[in-house]
Amino acid sequence: MASPIDDSLPARVSSDCPEQTRDILYHVWGRDWGSVGLKKFFDDRDKATCQDPKTGETPLHAAIRSCGPANGEDDGEEDGSVEEALEILHELFLSGAIWNDVDNNNETPGCVAWRLGRKSLYNQCVDAGVRAELLFALMDSYEQLSSDNEYEEMAEDEVEVEAEADQKEATEAEQDDDEEAPQLKFVPPSAGEKTVTSDQYLESSLTYDPEKLVDSDRNGVMMAWETDIMKRSVEALIPDAQPGKRILNIGFGMGIIDGMFAELKPSRHHIIEAHPSVLEHLAKPESRFGPSWEKSGPEVGAFEVLPGKWQDVVPKLLQAGEVYDAIYFDTFGEDYSQLRTFFSEWVPGLLEQDGRFSFFNGLGADRRICYDVYTKVVEMHCADAGLDVEWEESDVDMSNLGEEGKGEWEGVRRRYWTLDKYRLPTCTFMG
């Protein structure tokens, strides 16, 4: 069991902390607002984003931690500490403070606020995250940010971290000669975390067992614990288990959701799958979705596995006039921008007017605040695409999911799910 986190000021500001950074953290902790207090520090981005090199404490962390834990359901606002902290957070975010910087406990400021029960401070961090993500998406739509597409290839929960880090590095380089400037030397616990791009995934070998599908680097591509989520997704996409529906699933994986779709006797069932190992698995005579399944459709081409990346296959389906009553999207190694491209550019042409679209909602699911941020971002981007989103929240059994490398995660390199709730999205056309 992990040791309790020490939230005291002496524990959070180390003896190695540069003088100016220490001065800022002390003033923020004391919520020292005024002409000779905090305001003098909020004149440039570097001061708002400084970190203790040992603890990773930022002014955002300090402002939230200074309020202490809430008493039960009471957010503690009547004592004035939270109102002061809210004002400080507002100024810090305006000055460029980064909403998802992590400390040595691998906590963002929002994580600290949630753990301490400070709901209003947590909500302000979520709102800042939403603004940052929307701005990042807007910038990405206007210009190519990297010649080698590194931003497009990052996992969804690391896109904003990388972008903010790049901005920090550029600013720090400009201040190398300024001895009094706060220096960022803290290395986040997740800094060495290896990301997986779509191309790397497609080039890797996969291993099947009854409980999971993993790649050559032991990343969990799909796992059996997701079965209940898939069941709920099918129920949301096809209410009352109506037979005869036209279904498109993107990403076969272990075939969990396709097995459930098949039980409903659809009139059309298309599966897009890009990974050679999965395609080889599907082509085996004993495969439930092999050649015999394809031949069993009501007409030629009704039941079909379509090999290739969805980016290459989907335009052909649209050109052929295919329309579906239910579409599900669950790929691996792609970031949120690819999901957004799919529901913004392709769902409007592929989905029947009264049809339903859903996806595996693992966006930022290794951290609650990221999950909440992406929930709001998805809602806004879906609205831009003419889609309404309804969320069905359900419990996730964490009894075998709570510890890295144990239970369901045994043999898996990274725990990609840490939350006790799943938000299932069901998207339909507005009106």
Foldseek 3Di string as FASTA:
>chain_A
DDDDDDLDPDVQADPQFAPLLNQQLVLLLVLVDDPPTNVVQLPALLSLAFAGQAFRDGSLLSLLSSVAAADPQHLPCVVVSVVSSVVVVVSSLVRPYDLLRATQVRDGSLNSCVVRNNVVSNVVSLVSLLVLVVVVVVVVVVDPPDPVCPLFQFAALCNSVVVSVVVNVVVVVVCVVPPNGRDHNHDYPCNPPDTFGPVNQLPWAWDDDPAFIATPVQATQDGPLCLVVLVVLVCLQDPPLAEAFAEEEEACGVVSNVVVNVVSHHLAYEYEHERPNVVVVQCDPPHPLHPVVCVPHPDHRRRYYHYHHCVVVQVVCLVVQAAGQEYEYRGPSGYVVVVLCCLQPRCVRHYDQFHKYWYQQLRSQVDVSRSSSVVVNVQVSCVVSQKHKDWDKDFRPCPQLADDCTRSNPSHHDRSHHDGIGITIIIHGDD
